[in-house]
Amino acid sequence: MSTVADTNIPQLETLKIDLAGKVATVTLNRPDKANAMNWAMWQDIRSAMQWADRTPEARVVVLQGEGKHFTSGIDLQMMMGLQAQIKDDCDGRSREKLRQLVLELQDTLSSIERCRKPVLAAIHGGCVGGGVDLISCTDMRYCSADAYFTIKEIDIGMVADVGTLQRLPKLIGNQGIVREMAFTGRKVLADEAQRIGLVNQVFDSREALYAGVRELAELVAAKSPLSIRGTKEMLNYTRDHSVADGLNYIATWNAAMLMSGDLMTAMMANMSKQTPEFKD
């Protein structure tokens, strides 16, 4: 059931967006194509993340998939059409067009990281190829017991190029496992995904997955939105910088943001043993 921001929710070709109780649910919606990521879906993902970022009422985003699978990855018809899309009499210009296209796809997924709100992935069934790139950008990942993950690009004769090889080693922290997945394209089942740290938790069923992730999302949504946004900013920055750089940045951030209305609200609520209510 959507709420106050109904009129602001974009109507997208390949995604469904719902907003209820401060939690936005973004659903990949090409079930007849196993949610294969065609060109429209890449653009829609960026649009959805930009909408979530600028919509105060959306404090947390849950990303899920309609149908049998979370996503089968990049649409092969889209891949087959690339040649016509980059065609040019000049080979150098053709290569430049291809590079720009790859950068465009990378930017789509990076929009998930740029979104100031936490994004939780709820994964069921297959999460294949580009799907691994997609979830690698999210803040937390959860799956049902039937889920599996595979870096499928190796099986179509290409190098994964939109984020998996850059982000997954930092998520899992085990170069050997990441390289094994990337070199073999083998399936990683749900229990192994949890063991290696790819997902936080495995739920028995899809229904339990959605209920559990919703509960977690609502827990996050109840916290100070300003503090949640700052925490995501710090975690993303620190991942890619030294400890010293991260400490310097948080000192500057809190010099600007610490003395907020949220701080006073939280302190007063704690003193009176009440639940704080924060401004969006």
C-alpha atoms as a PDB file:
ATOM      1  CA  MET A   1       0.000   0.000   0.000  1.00  0.00           C
ATOM      2  CA  SER A   2       1.637   3.212  -1.140  1.00  0.00           C
ATOM      3  CA  THR A   3       1.456   6.327   1.012  1.00  0.00           C
ATOM      4  CA  VAL A   4       2.050  10.063   0.912  1.00  0.00           C
ATOM      5  CA  ALA A   5       4.443  10.164  -2.034  1.00  0.00           C
ATOM      6  CA  ASP A   6       2.112   8.351  -4.451  1.00  0.00           C
ATOM      7  CA  THR A   7       2.154  11.201  -6.951  1.00  0.00           C
ATOM      8  CA  ASN A   8       5.963  11.276  -6.929  1.00  0.00           C
ATOM      9  CA  ILE A   9       6.537   7.572  -7.560  1.00  0.00           C
ATOM     10  CA  PRO A  10       7.793   7.127 -11.119  1.00  0.00           C
ATOM     11  CA  GLN A  11       5.989   4.695 -13.400  1.00  0.00           C
ATOM     12  CA  LEU A  12       8.791   2.649 -14.936  1.00  0.00           C
ATOM     13  CA  GLU A  13       8.768   0.107 -17.744  1.00  0.00           C
ATOM     14  CA  THR A  14      10.711  -2.669 -16.035  1.00  0.00           C
ATOM     15  CA  LEU A  15      10.436  -1.929 -12.310  1.00  0.00           C
ATOM     16  CA  LYS A  16       7.649  -1.564  -9.762  1.00  0.00           C
ATOM     17  CA  ILE A  17       8.080   0.892  -6.892  1.00  0.00           C
ATOM     18  CA  ASP A  18       5.988   0.939  -3.739  1.00  0.00           C
ATOM     19  CA  LEU A  19       6.371   3.148  -0.673  1.00  0.00           C
ATOM     20  CA  ALA A  20       4.883   2.163   2.662  1.00  0.00           C
ATOM     21  CA  GLY A  21       5.930   2.955   6.205  1.00  0.00           C
ATOM     22  CA  LYS A  22       9.105   4.813   5.146  1.00  0.00           C
ATOM     23  CA  VAL A  23      10.309   1.727   3.226  1.00  0.00           C
ATOM     24  CA  ALA A  24      10.467   1.825  -0.576  1.00  0.00           C
ATOM     25  CA  THR A  25      10.268  -1.537  -2.330  1.00  0.00           C
ATOM     26  CA  VAL A  26      11.823  -1.645  -5.801  1.00  0.00           C
ATOM     27  CA  THR A  27      10.900  -4.806  -7.715  1.00  0.00           C
ATOM     28  CA  LEU A  28      12.592  -6.015 -10.900  1.00  0.00           C
ATOM     29  CA  ASN A  29       9.535  -6.698 -13.038  1.00  0.00           C
ATOM     30  CA  ARG A  30      10.280  -8.741 -16.156  1.00  0.00           C
ATOM     31  CA  PRO A  31       9.233 -12.128 -14.753  1.00  0.00           C
ATOM     32  CA  ASP A  32       8.570 -13.608 -18.199  1.00  0.00           C
ATOM     33  CA  LYS A  33      12.237 -12.930 -19.024  1.00  0.00           C
ATOM     34  CA  ALA A  34      13.575 -14.049 -15.612  1.00  0.00           C
ATOM     35  CA  ASN A  35      14.149 -10.340 -14.930  1.00  0.00           C
ATOM     36  CA  ALA A  36      16.866 -10.179 -17.576  1.00  0.00           C
ATOM     37  CA  MET A  37      18.436  -6.728 -17.438  1.00  0.00           C
ATOM     38  CA  ASN A  38      17.644  -5.069 -20.767  1.00  0.00           C
ATOM     39  CA  TRP A  39      18.586  -1.495 -21.665  1.00  0.00           C
ATOM     40  CA  ALA A  40      15.327  -0.125 -20.221  1.00  0.00           C
ATOM     41  CA  MET A  41      15.931  -1.858 -16.883  1.00  0.00           C
ATOM     42  CA  TRP A  42      19.424  -0.385 -16.590  1.00  0.00           C
ATOM     43  CA  GLN A  43      17.960   3.073 -17.068  1.00  0.00           C
ATOM     44  CA  ASP A  44      15.045   2.338 -14.724  1.00  0.00           C
ATOM     45  CA  ILE A  45      17.358   1.223 -11.919  1.00  0.00           C
ATOM     46  CA  ARG A  46      19.129   4.580 -12.020  1.00  0.00           C
ATOM     47  CA  SER A  47      15.792   6.417 -12.094  1.00  0.00           C
ATOM     48  CA  ALA A  48      14.535   4.432  -9.092  1.00  0.00           C
ATOM     49  CA  MET A  49      17.667   5.135  -7.067  1.00  0.00           C
ATOM     50  CA  GLN A  50      17.556   8.841  -7.908  1.00  0.00           C
ATOM     51  CA  TRP A  51      13.907   8.944  -6.864  1.00  0.00           C
ATOM     52  CA  ALA A  52      14.687   7.210  -3.557  1.00  0.00           C
ATOM     53  CA  ASP A  53      17.594   9.551  -2.903  1.00  0.00           C
ATOM     54  CA  ARG A  54      15.535  12.716  -3.363  1.00  0.00           C
ATOM     55  CA  THR A  55      12.345  11.485  -1.656  1.00  0.00           C
ATOM     56  CA  PRO A  56      12.475  12.250   2.080  1.00  0.00           C
ATOM     57  CA  GLU A  57       9.662   9.809   2.900  1.00  0.00           C
ATOM     58  CA  ALA A  58      11.736   6.900   1.509  1.00  0.00           C
ATOM     59  CA  ARG A  59      14.243   6.205   4.259  1.00  0.00           C
ATOM     60  CA  VAL A  60      15.231   2.673   3.208  1.00  0.00           C
ATOM     61  CA  VAL A  61      15.054   0.756  -0.085  1.00  0.00           C
ATOM     62  CA  VAL A  62      14.368  -2.979  -0.474  1.00  0.00           C
ATOM     63  CA  LEU A  63      15.395  -4.417  -3.852  1.00  0.00           C
ATOM     64  CA  GLN A  64      13.717  -7.655  -4.938  1.00  0.00           C
ATOM     65  CA  GLY A  65      12.626  -9.557  -8.043  1.00  0.00           C
ATOM     66  CA  GLU A  66       9.245 -10.677  -9.412  1.00  0.00           C
ATOM     67  CA  GLY A  67       8.769 -14.237 -10.654  1.00  0.00           C
ATOM     68  CA  LYS A  68      10.920 -17.350 -10.345  1.00  0.00           C
ATOM     69  CA  HIS A  69      14.328 -15.641 -10.168  1.00  0.00           C
ATOM     70  CA  PHE A  70      15.813 -12.469  -8.757  1.00  0.00           C
ATOM     71  CA  THR A  71      17.522 -11.872 -12.115  1.00  0.00           C
ATOM     72  CA  SER A  72      19.138 -13.890 -14.887  1.00  0.00           C
ATOM     73  CA  GLY A  73      21.589 -11.045 -15.499  1.00  0.00           C
ATOM     74  CA  ILE A  74      22.174  -8.924 -18.558  1.00  0.00           C
ATOM     75  CA  ASP A  75      19.708  -9.507 -21.379  1.00  0.00           C
ATOM     76  CA  LEU A  76      21.470 -11.483 -24.119  1.00  0.00           C
ATOM     77  CA  GLN A  77      19.404  -9.740 -26.806  1.00  0.00           C
ATOM     78  CA  MET A  78      20.836  -6.481 -25.548  1.00  0.00           C
ATOM     79  CA  MET A  79      24.337  -7.979 -25.792  1.00  0.00           C
ATOM     80  CA  MET A  80      23.704  -9.154 -29.343  1.00  0.00           C
ATOM     81  CA  GLY A  81      22.554  -5.667 -30.341  1.00  0.00           C
ATOM     82  CA  LEU A  82      25.725  -3.959 -29.145  1.00  0.00           C
ATOM     83  CA  GLN A  83      27.485  -4.304 -32.486  1.00  0.00           C
ATOM     84  CA  ALA A  84      24.877  -2.197 -34.268  1.00  0.00           C
ATOM     85  CA  GLN A  85      24.828   0.305 -31.414  1.00  0.00           C
ATOM     86  CA  ILE A  86      28.573   1.030 -31.589  1.00  0.00           C
ATOM     87  CA  LYS A  87      28.970   0.742 -35.378  1.00  0.00           C
ATOM     88  CA  ASP A  88      31.190   3.412 -36.926  1.00  0.00           C
ATOM     89  CA  ASP A  89      33.373   3.690 -40.023  1.00  0.00           C
ATOM     90  CA  CYS A  90      36.275   4.527 -37.718  1.00  0.00           C
ATOM     91  CA  ASP A  91      37.438   1.620 -35.550  1.00  0.00           C
ATOM     92  CA  GLY A  92      38.727   3.995 -32.866  1.00  0.00           C
ATOM     93  CA  ARG A  93      35.366   5.732 -32.589  1.00  0.00           C
ATOM     94  CA  SER A  94      33.568   2.396 -32.451  1.00  0.00           C
ATOM     95  CA  ARG A  95      35.783   1.347 -29.531  1.00  0.00           C
ATOM     96  CA  GLU A  96      35.179   4.700 -27.845  1.00  0.00           C
ATOM     97  CA  LYS A  97      31.398   4.175 -28.131  1.00  0.00           C
ATOM     98  CA  LEU A  98      31.747   0.743 -26.532  1.00  0.00           C
ATOM     99  CA  ARG A  99      33.774   2.176 -23.669  1.00  0.00           C
ATOM    100  CA  GLN A 100      31.164   4.879 -23.083  1.00  0.00           C
ATOM    101  CA  LEU A 101      28.411   2.263 -23.066  1.00  0.00           C
ATOM    102  CA  VAL A 102      30.224   0.191 -20.425  1.00  0.00           C
ATOM    103  CA  LEU A 103      30.780   3.329 -18.331  1.00  0.00           C
ATOM    104  CA  GLU A 104      27.056   4.086 -18.630  1.00  0.00           C
ATOM    105  CA  LEU A 105      26.142   0.639 -17.271  1.00  0.00           C
ATOM    106  CA  GLN A 106      28.684   1.007 -14.483  1.00  0.00           C
ATOM    107  CA  ASP A 107      27.160   4.347 -13.545  1.00  0.00           C
ATOM    108  CA  THR A 108      23.701   2.793 -13.340  1.00  0.00           C
ATOM    109  CA  LEU A 109      24.834   0.372 -10.642  1.00  0.00           C
ATOM    110  CA  SER A 110      26.936   3.000  -8.889  1.00  0.00           C
ATOM    111  CA  SER A 111      23.706   4.962  -8.462  1.00  0.00           C
ATOM    112  CA  ILE A 112      22.803   2.399  -5.783  1.00  0.00           C
ATOM    113  CA  GLU A 113      25.885   3.414  -3.816  1.00  0.00           C
ATOM    114  CA  ARG A 114      25.248   7.095  -4.477  1.00  0.00           C
ATOM    115  CA  CYS A 115      21.719   6.790  -3.089  1.00  0.00           C
ATOM    116  CA  ARG A 116      22.024   8.148   0.451  1.00  0.00           C
ATOM    117  CA  LYS A 117      19.460   5.667   1.744  1.00  0.00           C
ATOM    118  CA  PRO A 118      20.443   2.089   2.684  1.00  0.00           C
ATOM    119  CA  VAL A 119      19.532  -0.457   0.000  1.00  0.00           C
ATOM    120  CA  LEU A 120      18.747  -4.016   1.137  1.00  0.00           C
ATOM    121  CA  ALA A 121      18.685  -6.806  -1.451  1.00  0.00           C
ATOM    122  CA  ALA A 122      16.160  -9.643  -0.950  1.00  0.00           C
ATOM    123  CA  ILE A 123      17.286 -12.397  -3.318  1.00  0.00           C
ATOM    124  CA  HIS A 124      15.458 -15.563  -4.315  1.00  0.00           C
ATOM    125  CA  GLY A 125      16.148 -18.086  -7.062  1.00  0.00           C
ATOM    126  CA  GLY A 126      18.923 -17.234  -9.495  1.00  0.00           C
ATOM    127  CA  CYS A 127      21.154 -14.201  -9.159  1.00  0.00           C
ATOM    128  CA  VAL A 128      23.236 -14.520 -12.290  1.00  0.00           C
ATOM    129  CA  GLY A 129      25.920 -12.469 -14.025  1.00  0.00           C
ATOM    130  CA  GLY A 130      24.835  -8.833 -13.944  1.00  0.00           C
ATOM    131  CA  GLY A 131      22.723  -9.694 -10.911  1.00  0.00           C
ATOM    132  CA  VAL A 132      25.909 -10.230  -8.895  1.00  0.00           C
ATOM    133  CA  ASP A 133      27.156  -6.841 -10.116  1.00  0.00           C
ATOM    134  CA  LEU A 134      23.820  -5.404  -8.970  1.00  0.00           C
ATOM    135  CA  ILE A 135      23.734  -6.832  -5.452  1.00  0.00           C
ATOM    136  CA  SER A 136      27.421  -6.027  -4.916  1.00  0.00           C
ATOM    137  CA  CYS A 137      26.365  -2.351  -4.829  1.00  0.00           C
ATOM    138  CA  THR A 138      23.736  -2.816  -2.134  1.00  0.00           C
ATOM    139  CA  ASP A 139      24.339  -2.185   1.558  1.00  0.00           C
ATOM    140  CA  MET A 140      23.069  -5.522   2.858  1.00  0.00           C
ATOM    141  CA  ARG A 141      22.129  -8.751   1.108  1.00  0.00           C
ATOM    142  CA  TYR A 142      19.696 -11.464   2.255  1.00  0.00           C
ATOM    143  CA  CYS A 143      18.424 -14.538   0.427  1.00  0.00           C
ATOM    144  CA  SER A 144      16.013 -17.443   0.580  1.00  0.00           C
ATOM    145  CA  ALA A 145      17.232 -21.028   0.771  1.00  0.00           C
ATOM    146  CA  ASP A 146      16.623 -21.592  -2.953  1.00  0.00           C
ATOM    147  CA  ALA A 147      18.924 -18.752  -4.022  1.00  0.00           C
ATOM    148  CA  TYR A 148      22.132 -19.227  -5.957  1.00  0.00           C
ATOM    149  CA  PHE A 149      24.777 -16.863  -7.285  1.00  0.00           C
ATOM    150  CA  THR A 150      27.062 -17.165 -10.289  1.00  0.00           C
ATOM    151  CA  ILE A 151      29.536 -14.882 -12.064  1.00  0.00           C
ATOM    152  CA  LYS A 152      28.294 -16.097 -15.427  1.00  0.00           C
ATOM    153  CA  GLU A 153      30.269 -13.743 -17.687  1.00  0.00           C
ATOM    154  CA  ILE A 154      33.135 -16.215 -18.010  1.00  0.00           C
ATOM    155  CA  ASP A 155      30.766 -18.696 -19.695  1.00  0.00           C
ATOM    156  CA  ILE A 156      29.903 -16.252 -22.476  1.00  0.00           C
ATOM    157  CA  GLY A 157      33.537 -15.412 -23.147  1.00  0.00           C
ATOM    158  CA  MET A 158      33.815 -12.035 -21.438  1.00  0.00           C
ATOM    159  CA  VAL A 159      35.247 -10.371 -18.358  1.00  0.00           C
ATOM    160  CA  ALA A 160      32.659  -9.076 -15.874  1.00  0.00           C
ATOM    161  CA  ASP A 161      32.877  -5.323 -16.375  1.00  0.00           C
ATOM    162  CA  VAL A 162      30.268  -3.463 -14.326  1.00  0.00           C
ATOM    163  CA  GLY A 163      31.468  -3.938 -10.757  1.00  0.00           C
ATOM    164  CA  THR A 164      31.606  -7.556  -9.567  1.00  0.00           C
ATOM    165  CA  LEU A 165      35.388  -7.892  -9.847  1.00  0.00           C
ATOM    166  CA  GLN A 166      35.917  -4.544  -8.144  1.00  0.00           C
ATOM    167  CA  ARG A 167      33.363  -4.825  -5.306  1.00  0.00           C
ATOM    168  CA  LEU A 168      33.099  -8.522  -4.498  1.00  0.00           C
ATOM    169  CA  PRO A 169      36.652  -8.877  -3.119  1.00  0.00           C
ATOM    170  CA  LYS A 170      35.849  -6.115  -0.616  1.00  0.00           C
ATOM    171  CA  LEU A 171      32.586  -7.766   0.376  1.00  0.00           C
ATOM    172  CA  ILE A 172      33.888 -11.308   0.773  1.00  0.00           C
ATOM    173  CA  GLY A 173      37.465 -10.501   1.774  1.00  0.00           C
ATOM    174  CA  ASN A 174      38.782 -13.755   0.293  1.00  0.00           C
ATOM    175  CA  GLN A 175      40.591 -13.366  -3.020  1.00  0.00           C
ATOM    176  CA  GLY A 176      40.737 -17.131  -3.546  1.00  0.00           C
ATOM    177  CA  ILE A 177      36.964 -17.564  -3.354  1.00  0.00           C
ATOM    178  CA  VAL A 178      36.292 -14.549  -5.582  1.00  0.00           C
ATOM    179  CA  ARG A 179      38.769 -15.792  -8.183  1.00  0.00           C
ATOM    180  CA  GLU A 180      37.314 -19.285  -8.074  1.00  0.00           C
ATOM    181  CA  MET A 181      33.824 -17.881  -8.690  1.00  0.00           C
ATOM    182  CA  ALA A 182      35.058 -15.600 -11.480  1.00  0.00           C
ATOM    183  CA  PHE A 183      37.235 -18.212 -13.218  1.00  0.00           C
ATOM    184  CA  THR A 184      34.738 -21.096 -13.055  1.00  0.00           C
ATOM    185  CA  GLY A 185      31.307 -19.442 -13.146  1.00  0.00           C
ATOM    186  CA  ARG A 186      30.127 -22.111 -10.691  1.00  0.00           C
ATOM    187  CA  LYS A 187      26.973 -21.748  -8.629  1.00  0.00           C
ATOM    188  CA  VAL A 188      27.310 -20.580  -5.047  1.00  0.00           C
ATOM    189  CA  LEU A 189      24.288 -21.824  -3.120  1.00  0.00           C
ATOM    190  CA  ALA A 190      22.617 -19.972  -0.282  1.00  0.00           C
ATOM    191  CA  ASP A 191      24.403 -21.673   2.622  1.00  0.00           C
ATOM    192  CA  GLU A 192      27.822 -21.066   1.061  1.00  0.00           C
ATOM    193  CA  ALA A 193      26.858 -17.474   0.222  1.00  0.00           C
ATOM    194  CA  GLN A 194      26.217 -16.869   3.907  1.00  0.00           C
ATOM    195  CA  ARG A 195      29.382 -18.680   4.964  1.00  0.00           C
ATOM    196  CA  ILE A 196      31.625 -16.554   2.736  1.00  0.00           C
ATOM    197  CA  GLY A 197      29.863 -13.331   3.707  1.00  0.00           C
ATOM    198  CA  LEU A 198      28.091 -12.611   0.423  1.00  0.00           C
ATOM    199  CA  VAL A 199      24.747 -12.532   2.248  1.00  0.00           C
ATOM    200  CA  ASN A 200      23.974 -11.628   5.853  1.00  0.00           C
ATOM    201  CA  GLN A 201      21.281 -14.228   6.432  1.00  0.00           C
ATOM    202  CA  VAL A 202      19.426 -17.077   4.702  1.00  0.00           C
ATOM    203  CA  PHE A 203      15.665 -17.454   5.176  1.00  0.00           C
ATOM    204  CA  ASP A 204      13.778 -20.723   4.728  1.00  0.00           C
ATOM    205  CA  SER A 205      11.370 -19.407   2.105  1.00  0.00           C
ATOM    206  CA  ARG A 206      10.726 -16.425  -0.117  1.00  0.00           C
ATOM    207  CA  GLU A 207       7.855 -15.357   2.138  1.00  0.00           C
ATOM    208  CA  ALA A 208      10.104 -15.515   5.212  1.00  0.00           C
ATOM    209  CA  LEU A 209      12.773 -13.593   3.291  1.00  0.00           C
ATOM    210  CA  TYR A 210      10.450 -10.724   2.458  1.00  0.00           C
ATOM    211  CA  ALA A 211       9.045 -10.589   5.986  1.00  0.00           C
ATOM    212  CA  GLY A 212      12.507 -10.683   7.562  1.00  0.00           C
ATOM    213  CA  VAL A 213      14.002  -8.052   5.280  1.00  0.00           C
ATOM    214  CA  ARG A 214      10.959  -5.840   5.770  1.00  0.00           C
ATOM    215  CA  GLU A 215      11.420  -6.057   9.540  1.00  0.00           C
ATOM    216  CA  LEU A 216      15.084  -5.088   9.214  1.00  0.00           C
ATOM    217  CA  ALA A 217      14.230  -2.245   6.837  1.00  0.00           C
ATOM    218  CA  GLU A 218      11.673  -0.861   9.272  1.00  0.00           C
ATOM    219  CA  LEU A 219      14.234  -1.060  12.085  1.00  0.00           C
ATOM    220  CA  VAL A 220      16.657   1.037  10.022  1.00  0.00           C
ATOM    221  CA  ALA A 221      13.881   3.425   8.946  1.00  0.00           C
ATOM    222  CA  ALA A 222      13.104   4.198  12.589  1.00  0.00           C
ATOM    223  CA  LYS A 223      16.616   5.573  13.192  1.00  0.00           C
ATOM    224  CA  SER A 224      17.751   9.162  12.636  1.00  0.00           C
ATOM    225  CA  PRO A 225      17.643   9.639   8.834  1.00  0.00           C
ATOM    226  CA  LEU A 226      20.465  12.175   8.967  1.00  0.00           C
ATOM    227  CA  SER A 227      22.648   9.749  10.930  1.00  0.00           C
ATOM    228  CA  ILE A 228      21.804   6.840   8.616  1.00  0.00           C
ATOM    229  CA  ARG A 229      22.737   8.916   5.566  1.00  0.00           C
ATOM    230  CA  GLY A 230      25.990   9.977   7.214  1.00  0.00           C
ATOM    231  CA  THR A 231      26.824   6.415   8.226  1.00  0.00           C
ATOM    232  CA  LYS A 232      26.412   5.190   4.627  1.00  0.00           C
ATOM    233  CA  GLU A 233      28.576   8.061   3.402  1.00  0.00           C
ATOM    234  CA  MET A 234      31.315   7.174   5.909  1.00  0.00           C
ATOM    235  CA  LEU A 235      31.236   3.436   5.212  1.00  0.00           C
ATOM    236  CA  ASN A 236      31.487   3.942   1.450  1.00  0.00           C
ATOM    237  CA  TYR A 237      34.284   6.490   1.829  1.00  0.00           C
ATOM    238  CA  THR A 238      36.268   4.425   4.342  1.00  0.00           C
ATOM    239  CA  ARG A 239      36.044   1.310   2.158  1.00  0.00           C
ATOM    240  CA  ASP A 240      38.059   3.111  -0.532  1.00  0.00           C
ATOM    241  CA  HIS A 241      40.414   5.207   1.647  1.00  0.00           C
ATOM    242  CA  SER A 242      42.894   4.799   4.480  1.00  0.00           C
ATOM    243  CA  VAL A 243      41.912   4.767   8.145  1.00  0.00           C
ATOM    244  CA  ALA A 244      43.531   8.186   8.555  1.00  0.00           C
ATOM    245  CA  ASP A 245      41.514   9.605   5.644  1.00  0.00           C
ATOM    246  CA  GLY A 246      38.315   8.118   7.053  1.00  0.00           C
ATOM    247  CA  LEU A 247      38.941   9.562  10.521  1.00  0.00           C
ATOM    248  CA  ASN A 248      39.631  12.981   9.067  1.00  0.00           C
ATOM    249  CA  TYR A 249      36.437  12.881   6.992  1.00  0.00           C
ATOM    250  CA  ILE A 250      34.179  11.837   9.882  1.00  0.00           C
ATOM    251  CA  ALA A 251      35.650  14.617  12.050  1.00  0.00           C
ATOM    252  CA  THR A 252      34.746  17.148   9.364  1.00  0.00           C
ATOM    253  CA  TRP A 253      31.326  15.578   8.780  1.00  0.00           C
ATOM    254  CA  ASN A 254      30.356  15.631  12.434  1.00  0.00           C
ATOM    255  CA  ALA A 255      31.674  19.150  12.854  1.00  0.00           C
ATOM    256  CA  ALA A 256      28.987  20.068  10.319  1.00  0.00           C
ATOM    257  CA  MET A 257      26.181  17.584  11.106  1.00  0.00           C
ATOM    258  CA  LEU A 258      26.466  16.462  14.739  1.00  0.00           C
ATOM    259  CA  MET A 259      24.538  19.293  16.395  1.00  0.00           C
ATOM    260  CA  SER A 260      21.287  18.400  14.699  1.00  0.00           C
ATOM    261  CA  GLY A 261      17.683  18.220  15.747  1.00  0.00           C
ATOM    262  CA  ASP A 262      17.978  14.429  15.530  1.00  0.00           C
ATOM    263  CA  LEU A 263      20.626  14.411  18.261  1.00  0.00           C
ATOM    264  CA  MET A 264      18.398  16.338  20.648  1.00  0.00           C
ATOM    265  CA  THR A 265      15.356  14.226  19.745  1.00  0.00           C
ATOM    266  CA  ALA A 266      17.257  10.989  20.413  1.00  0.00           C
ATOM    267  CA  MET A 267      18.712  12.241  23.705  1.00  0.00           C
ATOM    268  CA  MET A 268      15.347  13.440  25.006  1.00  0.00           C
ATOM    269  CA  ALA A 269      13.647  10.181  23.973  1.00  0.00           C
ATOM    270  CA  ASN A 270      16.328   8.127  25.730  1.00  0.00           C
ATOM    271  CA  MET A 271      15.981  10.158  28.898  1.00  0.00           C
ATOM    272  CA  SER A 272      12.200   9.753  28.920  1.00  0.00           C
ATOM    273  CA  LYS A 273      12.382   6.109  27.751  1.00  0.00           C
ATOM    274  CA  GLN A 274      10.206   6.865  24.732  1.00  0.00           C
ATOM    275  CA  THR A 275      10.591   5.996  21.045  1.00  0.00           C
ATOM    276  CA  PRO A 276      12.084   8.951  19.140  1.00  0.00           C
ATOM    277  CA  GLU A 277      10.274  10.359  16.108  1.00  0.00           C
ATOM    278  CA  PHE A 278      12.587  11.920  13.553  1.00  0.00           C
ATOM    279  CA  LYS A 279      12.015  14.362  10.730  1.00  0.00           C
ATOM    280  CA  ASP A 280      12.464  12.804   7.264  1.00  0.00           C
END
